[in-house]
Amino acid sequence: MDRDAIEEMFQALGPVTIRRMFGGKGIYHQGRILALELHGEILLKADAQSGPAFEAAGSRQWCYEGRSGKPVKMPYWSIPDEAFDDPDEMAVWVRRAYEAALRAK
């Protein structure tokens, strides 16, 4: 995903900074990481408070296989499908991601 597409997706928050990381990109707003771009997909930050909303919306949590062979769940979730067709709905989800970023230590 290119810089312009990412910036458009997060326009409800204002300017974002994009940095290369994890073989993808980290997406920041006001110095806080709120999303990742991996393999062309945007994953939004969530936590114990917002994760259930992502799950209820049909999002999937980013998970990878750890060294022990067990899955390691990361605090990033796919964007709910309905948000891609509705900028107002996308704004709700990116704000939730930023709120989770603010709550993170």
C-alpha atoms as a PDB file:
ATOM      1  CA  MET A   1       0.000   0.000   0.000  1.00  0.00           C
ATOM      2  CA  ASP A   2       1.462   3.372  -0.934  1.00  0.00           C
ATOM      3  CA  ARG A   3       1.871   6.444   1.265  1.00  0.00           C
ATOM      4  CA  ASP A   4      -1.056   8.346  -0.300  1.00  0.00           C
ATOM      5  CA  ALA A   5      -3.492   5.478   0.282  1.00  0.00           C
ATOM      6  CA  ILE A   6      -2.378   5.132   3.898  1.00  0.00           C
ATOM      7  CA  GLU A   7      -2.649   8.874   4.543  1.00  0.00           C
ATOM      8  CA  GLU A   8      -6.149   8.910   3.033  1.00  0.00           C
ATOM      9  CA  MET A   9      -7.222   6.003   5.237  1.00  0.00           C
ATOM     10  CA  PHE A  10      -6.135   7.882   8.379  1.00  0.00           C
ATOM     11  CA  GLN A  11      -7.245  11.382   7.332  1.00  0.00           C
ATOM     12  CA  ALA A  12      -9.877  11.545  10.099  1.00  0.00           C
ATOM     13  CA  LEU A  13      -7.036  11.762  12.631  1.00  0.00           C
ATOM     14  CA  GLY A  14      -4.896  14.247  10.778  1.00  0.00           C
ATOM     15  CA  PRO A  15      -1.310  13.779   9.626  1.00  0.00           C
ATOM     16  CA  VAL A  16       0.352  10.403  10.093  1.00  0.00           C
ATOM     17  CA  THR A  17       4.010   9.428   9.949  1.00  0.00           C
ATOM     18  CA  ILE A  18       4.977   6.240   8.156  1.00  0.00           C
ATOM     19  CA  ARG A  19       8.187   4.375   9.013  1.00  0.00           C
ATOM     20  CA  ARG A  20       9.584   1.119   7.674  1.00  0.00           C
ATOM     21  CA  MET A  21       9.574  -1.704  10.231  1.00  0.00           C
ATOM     22  CA  PHE A  22       8.913  -5.458  10.632  1.00  0.00           C
ATOM     23  CA  GLY A  23       9.233  -5.950   6.884  1.00  0.00           C
ATOM     24  CA  GLY A  24       6.353  -3.510   6.493  1.00  0.00           C
ATOM     25  CA  LYS A  25       5.478  -0.053   7.770  1.00  0.00           C
ATOM     26  CA  GLY A  26       4.582   1.421  11.135  1.00  0.00           C
ATOM     27  CA  ILE A  27       1.904   4.123  11.060  1.00  0.00           C
ATOM     28  CA  TYR A  28       2.091   6.809  13.751  1.00  0.00           C
ATOM     29  CA  HIS A  29      -0.049   9.741  14.808  1.00  0.00           C
ATOM     30  CA  GLN A  30       1.368  12.289  17.236  1.00  0.00           C
ATOM     31  CA  GLY A  31       4.276   9.980  18.013  1.00  0.00           C
ATOM     32  CA  ARG A  32       2.150   6.920  18.866  1.00  0.00           C
ATOM     33  CA  ILE A  33       2.064   3.800  16.716  1.00  0.00           C
ATOM     34  CA  LEU A  34      -1.520   2.951  15.847  1.00  0.00           C
ATOM     35  CA  ALA A  35      -1.237   0.637  12.877  1.00  0.00           C
ATOM     36  CA  LEU A  36       1.016  -1.566  10.796  1.00  0.00           C
ATOM     37  CA  GLU A  37       1.090  -2.243   7.100  1.00  0.00           C
ATOM     38  CA  LEU A  38       2.198  -5.810   6.392  1.00  0.00           C
ATOM     39  CA  HIS A  39       2.015  -7.519   3.007  1.00  0.00           C
ATOM     40  CA  GLY A  40      -0.311  -4.811   1.672  1.00  0.00           C
ATOM     41  CA  GLU A  41      -2.765  -5.038   4.577  1.00  0.00           C
ATOM     42  CA  ILE A  42      -3.362  -2.433   7.281  1.00  0.00           C
ATOM     43  CA  LEU A  43      -3.662  -3.764  10.828  1.00  0.00           C
ATOM     44  CA  LEU A  44      -5.036  -1.472  13.529  1.00  0.00           C
ATOM     45  CA  LYS A  45      -3.851  -1.419  17.140  1.00  0.00           C
ATOM     46  CA  ALA A  46      -6.298  -2.737  19.720  1.00  0.00           C
ATOM     47  CA  ASP A  47      -6.180  -3.635  23.398  1.00  0.00           C
ATOM     48  CA  ALA A  48      -8.310  -5.399  25.991  1.00  0.00           C
ATOM     49  CA  GLN A  49     -10.831  -2.558  25.825  1.00  0.00           C
ATOM     50  CA  SER A  50     -11.190  -2.299  22.032  1.00  0.00           C
ATOM     51  CA  GLY A  51     -10.284  -5.841  20.936  1.00  0.00           C
ATOM     52  CA  PRO A  52     -13.792  -7.236  21.530  1.00  0.00           C
ATOM     53  CA  ALA A  53     -15.258  -4.641  19.114  1.00  0.00           C
ATOM     54  CA  PHE A  54     -12.796  -5.720  16.409  1.00  0.00           C
ATOM     55  CA  GLU A  55     -13.643  -9.374  17.017  1.00  0.00           C
ATOM     56  CA  ALA A  56     -17.397  -8.676  16.942  1.00  0.00           C
ATOM     57  CA  ALA A  57     -16.963  -6.857  13.610  1.00  0.00           C
ATOM     58  CA  GLY A  58     -15.343  -9.948  12.083  1.00  0.00           C
ATOM     59  CA  SER A  59     -11.750  -8.697  12.163  1.00  0.00           C
ATOM     60  CA  ARG A  60      -8.914 -11.133  12.668  1.00  0.00           C
ATOM     61  CA  GLN A  61      -6.041 -10.676  15.061  1.00  0.00           C
ATOM     62  CA  TRP A  62      -2.465 -10.731  13.734  1.00  0.00           C
ATOM     63  CA  CYS A  63      -0.794 -13.889  14.906  1.00  0.00           C
ATOM     64  CA  TYR A  64       2.504 -15.513  14.006  1.00  0.00           C
ATOM     65  CA  GLU A  65       4.234 -18.735  14.940  1.00  0.00           C
ATOM     66  CA  GLY A  66       6.675 -18.236  17.806  1.00  0.00           C
ATOM     67  CA  ARG A  67       9.972 -20.048  18.298  1.00  0.00           C
ATOM     68  CA  SER A  68       8.282 -22.732  20.371  1.00  0.00           C
ATOM     69  CA  GLY A  69       5.848 -23.379  17.523  1.00  0.00           C
ATOM     70  CA  LYS A  70       2.981 -21.842  19.455  1.00  0.00           C
ATOM     71  CA  PRO A  71       1.005 -18.923  18.014  1.00  0.00           C
ATOM     72  CA  VAL A  72       1.894 -15.470  19.300  1.00  0.00           C
ATOM     73  CA  LYS A  73      -1.018 -13.013  19.228  1.00  0.00           C
ATOM     74  CA  MET A  74      -0.143  -9.391  18.566  1.00  0.00           C
ATOM     75  CA  PRO A  75      -2.294  -6.372  19.495  1.00  0.00           C
ATOM     76  CA  TYR A  76      -3.166  -5.581  15.862  1.00  0.00           C
ATOM     77  CA  TRP A  77      -6.365  -6.456  14.030  1.00  0.00           C
ATOM     78  CA  SER A  78      -7.565  -6.335  10.425  1.00  0.00           C
ATOM     79  CA  ILE A  79      -9.902  -3.505   9.474  1.00  0.00           C
ATOM     80  CA  PRO A  80     -13.578  -4.532   9.383  1.00  0.00           C
ATOM     81  CA  ASP A  81     -14.757  -4.954   5.790  1.00  0.00           C
ATOM     82  CA  GLU A  82     -17.579  -2.393   6.045  1.00  0.00           C
ATOM     83  CA  ALA A  83     -15.070   0.365   6.870  1.00  0.00           C
ATOM     84  CA  PHE A  84     -13.475   0.161   3.419  1.00  0.00           C
ATOM     85  CA  ASP A  85     -16.657   1.416   1.741  1.00  0.00           C
ATOM     86  CA  ASP A  86     -17.548   4.100   4.283  1.00  0.00           C
ATOM     87  CA  PRO A  87     -15.122   6.898   5.265  1.00  0.00           C
ATOM     88  CA  ASP A  88     -17.161   7.670   8.393  1.00  0.00           C
ATOM     89  CA  GLU A  89     -16.931   4.046   9.498  1.00  0.00           C
ATOM     90  CA  MET A  90     -13.189   4.007   8.740  1.00  0.00           C
ATOM     91  CA  ALA A  91     -12.830   7.092  10.944  1.00  0.00           C
ATOM     92  CA  VAL A  92     -14.437   5.208  13.847  1.00  0.00           C
ATOM     93  CA  TRP A  93     -11.931   2.346  13.566  1.00  0.00           C
ATOM     94  CA  VAL A  94      -8.810   4.473  13.149  1.00  0.00           C
ATOM     95  CA  ARG A  95      -9.889   6.543  16.171  1.00  0.00           C
ATOM     96  CA  ARG A  96     -10.284   3.328  18.181  1.00  0.00           C
ATOM     97  CA  ALA A  97      -6.758   2.355  17.146  1.00  0.00           C
ATOM     98  CA  TYR A  98      -5.390   5.726  18.247  1.00  0.00           C
ATOM     99  CA  GLU A  99      -7.246   5.480  21.574  1.00  0.00           C
ATOM    100  CA  ALA A 100      -5.642   2.049  22.134  1.00  0.00           C
ATOM    101  CA  ALA A 101      -2.263   3.582  21.286  1.00  0.00           C
ATOM    102  CA  LEU A 102      -2.839   6.276  23.894  1.00  0.00           C
ATOM    103  CA  ARG A 103      -3.714   3.673  26.520  1.00  0.00           C
ATOM    104  CA  ALA A 104      -0.597   1.590  25.775  1.00  0.00           C
ATOM    105  CA  LYS A 105       2.348   2.021  28.088  1.00  0.00           C
END
